[in-house]
N, C-alpha and C. Protein backbone atom coordinates (compact mmCIF):
# COMPACT_ATOMS: atom_id res chain seq x y z
N MET A 1 -5.08 -2.54 -11.94
CA MET A 1 -4.59 -3.63 -12.66
C MET A 1 -3.28 -3.32 -13.37
N LYS A 2 -3.11 -2.05 -13.79
CA LYS A 2 -1.84 -1.65 -14.49
C LYS A 2 -0.65 -1.83 -13.58
N LEU A 3 -0.81 -1.41 -12.32
CA LEU A 3 0.28 -1.54 -11.38
C LEU A 3 0.66 -3.04 -11.17
N PHE A 4 -0.37 -3.89 -11.02
CA PHE A 4 -0.03 -5.26 -10.91
C PHE A 4 0.63 -5.85 -12.14
N SER A 5 0.25 -5.37 -13.37
CA SER A 5 0.89 -5.82 -14.58
C SER A 5 2.34 -5.39 -14.67
N ASN A 6 2.62 -4.06 -14.22
CA ASN A 6 3.98 -3.62 -14.21
C ASN A 6 4.85 -4.41 -13.20
N LEU A 7 4.27 -4.77 -12.05
CA LEU A 7 5.04 -5.61 -11.06
C LEU A 7 5.39 -6.94 -11.68
N LEU A 8 4.39 -7.56 -12.35
CA LEU A 8 4.70 -8.88 -12.98
C LEU A 8 5.74 -8.80 -14.07
N LYS A 9 5.68 -7.75 -14.89
CA LYS A 9 6.64 -7.65 -15.94
C LYS A 9 8.11 -7.46 -15.35
N ARG A 10 8.21 -6.70 -14.28
CA ARG A 10 9.53 -6.51 -13.70
C ARG A 10 10.06 -7.77 -13.10
N ARG A 11 9.14 -8.57 -12.51
CA ARG A 11 9.57 -9.81 -11.84
C ARG A 11 9.73 -10.93 -12.87
N GLU A 12 9.35 -10.70 -14.09
CA GLU A 12 9.41 -11.69 -15.13
C GLU A 12 8.78 -12.99 -14.81
N ILE A 13 7.60 -12.88 -14.12
CA ILE A 13 6.88 -14.06 -13.75
C ILE A 13 5.46 -13.97 -14.23
N SER A 14 4.89 -14.95 -14.75
CA SER A 14 3.51 -14.85 -15.20
C SER A 14 2.59 -15.60 -14.25
N TYR A 15 1.54 -14.97 -13.82
CA TYR A 15 0.58 -15.51 -12.94
C TYR A 15 -0.71 -15.78 -13.69
N ILE A 16 -1.41 -16.78 -13.23
CA ILE A 16 -2.71 -17.06 -13.93
C ILE A 16 -3.84 -16.17 -13.46
N ARG A 17 -3.79 -15.79 -12.17
CA ARG A 17 -4.79 -14.95 -11.61
C ARG A 17 -4.26 -13.80 -10.81
N PHE A 18 -5.02 -12.73 -10.72
CA PHE A 18 -4.67 -11.62 -9.88
C PHE A 18 -5.52 -11.68 -8.59
N PRO A 19 -5.09 -11.12 -7.52
CA PRO A 19 -5.86 -11.10 -6.33
C PRO A 19 -7.17 -10.38 -6.50
N ARG A 20 -8.21 -10.75 -5.83
CA ARG A 20 -9.49 -10.07 -5.88
C ARG A 20 -9.39 -8.87 -4.98
N LEU A 21 -10.24 -7.83 -5.29
CA LEU A 21 -10.23 -6.59 -4.51
C LEU A 21 -10.51 -6.80 -3.06
N ASP A 22 -11.42 -7.71 -2.73
CA ASP A 22 -11.81 -7.92 -1.30
C ASP A 22 -10.59 -8.54 -0.54
N THR A 23 -9.77 -9.27 -1.25
CA THR A 23 -8.61 -9.92 -0.62
C THR A 23 -7.53 -8.82 -0.36
N VAL A 24 -7.33 -7.94 -1.34
CA VAL A 24 -6.39 -6.82 -1.16
C VAL A 24 -6.83 -5.98 -0.03
N LEU A 25 -8.10 -5.64 0.05
CA LEU A 25 -8.64 -4.78 1.12
C LEU A 25 -8.53 -5.45 2.48
N MET A 26 -8.71 -6.75 2.53
CA MET A 26 -8.57 -7.44 3.80
C MET A 26 -7.14 -7.40 4.27
N VAL A 27 -6.18 -7.59 3.36
CA VAL A 27 -4.78 -7.44 3.82
C VAL A 27 -4.45 -5.98 4.19
N GLU A 28 -4.96 -5.04 3.51
CA GLU A 28 -4.73 -3.63 3.86
C GLU A 28 -5.25 -3.34 5.24
N ARG A 29 -6.49 -3.76 5.52
CA ARG A 29 -7.09 -3.49 6.89
C ARG A 29 -6.31 -4.21 7.97
N PHE A 30 -5.84 -5.39 7.69
CA PHE A 30 -5.12 -6.16 8.65
C PHE A 30 -3.79 -5.46 9.03
N ILE A 31 -3.11 -5.00 7.99
CA ILE A 31 -1.84 -4.33 8.20
C ILE A 31 -2.06 -2.99 8.96
N LEU A 32 -3.16 -2.32 8.57
CA LEU A 32 -3.49 -1.04 9.22
C LEU A 32 -3.76 -1.22 10.72
N ASP A 33 -4.46 -2.34 11.10
CA ASP A 33 -4.80 -2.62 12.44
C ASP A 33 -3.60 -3.19 13.26
N HIS A 34 -2.71 -3.94 12.55
CA HIS A 34 -1.62 -4.66 13.24
C HIS A 34 -0.26 -4.23 12.71
N GLY A 35 -0.11 -3.03 12.25
CA GLY A 35 1.14 -2.55 11.68
C GLY A 35 2.28 -2.59 12.65
N GLY A 36 3.45 -3.12 12.19
CA GLY A 36 4.65 -3.13 13.01
C GLY A 36 4.71 -4.38 13.91
N GLU A 37 3.73 -5.21 13.91
CA GLU A 37 3.76 -6.41 14.74
C GLU A 37 4.27 -7.68 14.09
N PHE A 38 4.16 -7.77 12.73
CA PHE A 38 4.45 -9.03 12.11
C PHE A 38 5.48 -8.79 10.96
N ASN A 39 6.27 -9.80 10.68
CA ASN A 39 7.01 -9.80 9.41
C ASN A 39 6.22 -10.43 8.31
N LYS A 40 6.72 -10.52 7.14
CA LYS A 40 5.91 -10.95 6.02
C LYS A 40 5.26 -12.35 6.19
N LYS A 41 6.07 -13.35 6.64
CA LYS A 41 5.54 -14.69 6.71
C LYS A 41 4.59 -14.83 7.85
N THR A 42 4.87 -14.26 9.01
CA THR A 42 3.94 -14.44 10.15
C THR A 42 2.65 -13.62 9.92
N LEU A 43 2.70 -12.50 9.20
CA LEU A 43 1.51 -11.78 8.82
C LEU A 43 0.61 -12.69 7.97
N TRP A 44 1.24 -13.33 6.98
CA TRP A 44 0.52 -14.24 6.07
C TRP A 44 -0.23 -15.33 6.85
N LYS A 45 0.47 -15.90 7.82
CA LYS A 45 -0.08 -16.96 8.59
C LYS A 45 -1.18 -16.51 9.56
N THR A 46 -1.18 -15.17 9.92
CA THR A 46 -2.10 -14.64 10.89
C THR A 46 -3.39 -14.06 10.21
N LEU A 47 -3.33 -13.90 8.93
CA LEU A 47 -4.55 -13.29 8.23
C LEU A 47 -5.81 -14.01 8.57
N PRO A 48 -6.97 -13.32 8.62
CA PRO A 48 -8.20 -13.98 8.98
C PRO A 48 -8.73 -14.89 7.85
N LYS A 49 -8.30 -14.66 6.58
CA LYS A 49 -8.71 -15.48 5.51
C LYS A 49 -7.52 -16.06 4.82
N LYS A 50 -7.43 -17.36 4.62
CA LYS A 50 -6.21 -17.99 4.09
C LYS A 50 -6.17 -17.82 2.57
N MET A 51 -4.93 -17.71 2.08
CA MET A 51 -4.74 -17.55 0.63
C MET A 51 -3.42 -18.12 0.31
N MET A 52 -3.14 -18.36 -0.98
CA MET A 52 -1.86 -18.83 -1.44
C MET A 52 -0.81 -17.85 -1.19
N TYR A 53 0.37 -18.26 -0.83
CA TYR A 53 1.49 -17.33 -0.56
C TYR A 53 1.82 -16.49 -1.75
N GLN A 54 1.69 -17.08 -2.94
CA GLN A 54 2.00 -16.42 -4.22
C GLN A 54 1.08 -15.24 -4.36
N THR A 55 -0.24 -15.39 -4.07
CA THR A 55 -1.20 -14.24 -4.18
C THR A 55 -0.79 -13.23 -3.10
N TYR A 56 -0.50 -13.66 -1.92
CA TYR A 56 -0.15 -12.70 -0.83
C TYR A 56 1.07 -11.95 -1.22
N SER A 57 2.04 -12.53 -1.87
CA SER A 57 3.27 -11.80 -2.24
C SER A 57 2.97 -10.74 -3.26
N ILE A 58 2.05 -11.02 -4.14
CA ILE A 58 1.61 -10.03 -5.22
C ILE A 58 0.98 -8.78 -4.48
N ILE A 59 0.14 -9.03 -3.49
CA ILE A 59 -0.56 -8.00 -2.69
C ILE A 59 0.62 -7.14 -1.99
N ILE A 60 1.46 -7.80 -1.32
CA ILE A 60 2.49 -7.11 -0.57
C ILE A 60 3.34 -6.29 -1.57
N ASP A 61 3.78 -6.81 -2.67
CA ASP A 61 4.50 -6.07 -3.65
C ASP A 61 3.77 -4.85 -4.13
N TYR A 62 2.45 -5.01 -4.38
CA TYR A 62 1.57 -3.87 -4.80
C TYR A 62 1.53 -2.83 -3.71
N LEU A 63 1.32 -3.17 -2.50
CA LEU A 63 1.28 -2.21 -1.43
C LEU A 63 2.55 -1.45 -1.19
N LEU A 64 3.70 -2.19 -1.31
CA LEU A 64 5.05 -1.54 -1.30
C LEU A 64 5.22 -0.59 -2.36
N GLU A 65 4.89 -0.96 -3.59
CA GLU A 65 5.08 -0.21 -4.79
C GLU A 65 4.19 1.08 -4.79
N SER A 66 3.03 0.95 -4.20
CA SER A 66 2.08 2.11 -4.15
C SER A 66 2.39 3.04 -2.97
N GLY A 67 3.32 2.65 -2.11
CA GLY A 67 3.66 3.51 -0.99
C GLY A 67 2.69 3.43 0.18
N LYS A 68 1.93 2.42 0.26
CA LYS A 68 1.00 2.27 1.40
C LYS A 68 1.60 1.57 2.58
N ILE A 69 2.61 0.76 2.40
CA ILE A 69 3.33 0.06 3.47
C ILE A 69 4.82 0.22 3.36
N ALA A 70 5.46 -0.06 4.43
CA ALA A 70 6.93 -0.05 4.47
C ALA A 70 7.44 -1.27 5.27
N VAL A 71 8.65 -1.61 5.06
CA VAL A 71 9.29 -2.72 5.83
C VAL A 71 10.47 -2.17 6.50
N ASP A 72 10.52 -2.33 7.90
CA ASP A 72 11.69 -1.77 8.62
C ASP A 72 12.87 -2.74 8.47
N ARG A 73 13.91 -2.43 9.12
CA ARG A 73 15.13 -3.30 9.01
C ARG A 73 15.01 -4.60 9.70
N ARG A 74 14.04 -4.78 10.58
CA ARG A 74 13.83 -6.08 11.20
C ARG A 74 12.84 -6.92 10.39
N GLY A 75 12.30 -6.34 9.33
CA GLY A 75 11.41 -7.03 8.45
C GLY A 75 9.94 -6.92 8.90
N LYS A 76 9.64 -6.08 9.83
CA LYS A 76 8.25 -5.77 10.26
C LYS A 76 7.50 -4.89 9.20
N ILE A 77 6.33 -5.24 8.92
CA ILE A 77 5.51 -4.50 7.92
C ILE A 77 4.64 -3.51 8.63
N CYS A 78 4.64 -2.28 8.12
CA CYS A 78 3.85 -1.19 8.82
C CYS A 78 3.11 -0.39 7.74
N TRP A 79 2.01 0.07 8.09
CA TRP A 79 1.13 0.98 7.28
C TRP A 79 1.68 2.38 7.36
N ILE A 80 1.94 3.04 6.19
CA ILE A 80 2.44 4.38 6.25
C ILE A 80 1.60 5.39 5.47
N TRP A 81 0.59 4.92 4.74
CA TRP A 81 -0.22 5.80 3.87
C TRP A 81 -1.12 6.58 4.77
N ASN A 82 -1.14 7.96 4.62
CA ASN A 82 -1.97 8.82 5.31
C ASN A 82 -2.60 9.84 4.29
N PRO A 83 -3.77 9.60 3.81
CA PRO A 83 -4.32 10.46 2.77
C PRO A 83 -4.70 11.88 3.30
N GLU A 84 -5.02 11.99 4.54
CA GLU A 84 -5.27 13.35 5.11
C GLU A 84 -4.08 14.23 5.11
N MET A 85 -2.93 13.65 5.48
CA MET A 85 -1.74 14.39 5.47
C MET A 85 -1.22 14.75 4.07
N VAL A 86 -1.51 13.84 3.11
CA VAL A 86 -1.09 14.09 1.75
C VAL A 86 -1.94 15.25 1.18
N LYS A 87 -3.27 15.27 1.48
CA LYS A 87 -4.11 16.39 1.03
C LYS A 87 -3.63 17.72 1.58
N ARG A 88 -3.24 17.70 2.85
CA ARG A 88 -2.71 18.93 3.52
C ARG A 88 -1.45 19.42 2.81
N TYR A 89 -0.57 18.55 2.54
CA TYR A 89 0.67 18.91 1.89
C TYR A 89 0.51 19.35 0.41
N LEU A 90 -0.45 18.77 -0.23
CA LEU A 90 -0.71 19.15 -1.66
C LEU A 90 -1.31 20.54 -1.76
N LYS A 91 -1.87 21.03 -0.71
CA LYS A 91 -2.49 22.38 -0.66
C LYS A 91 -1.42 23.46 -0.54
N LYS A 92 -0.26 23.11 -0.03
CA LYS A 92 0.81 24.00 0.19
C LYS A 92 1.61 24.22 -1.13
N PRO A 93 1.62 25.46 -1.66
CA PRO A 93 2.21 25.69 -3.00
C PRO A 93 3.74 25.45 -2.98
N HIS A 94 4.42 25.72 -1.94
CA HIS A 94 5.88 25.52 -1.98
C HIS A 94 6.30 24.05 -1.86
N LEU A 95 5.34 23.15 -1.63
CA LEU A 95 5.68 21.73 -1.59
C LEU A 95 5.23 20.95 -2.82
N ARG A 96 4.65 21.61 -3.78
CA ARG A 96 4.22 20.95 -4.97
C ARG A 96 5.31 20.55 -5.88
N ALA A 97 5.16 19.48 -6.62
CA ALA A 97 6.11 19.04 -7.62
C ALA A 97 6.05 19.87 -8.83
N ARG A 98 7.18 20.13 -9.37
CA ARG A 98 7.19 21.10 -10.57
C ARG A 98 7.51 20.32 -11.84
């Protein structure tokens, strides 16, 4: 919730509701399965469960901010988060943040 609040403060927009966890997970799974195929608007239209575009935009902003997705220069959304690789790199002492 804190990351969502920070996103809203930076955008200087107040929303009445936050997305539900199951909705965020549904978008995450869909991007993971179909990464690189859709841009933002066509991805929203193709989701299995319909939602308001405003809610969808909050989810996409959250996923971008948390480093789970990226957008290429053509506007295609792709899943980039790999927790197994992160765990491997964190075990290497010369790659740790100081």
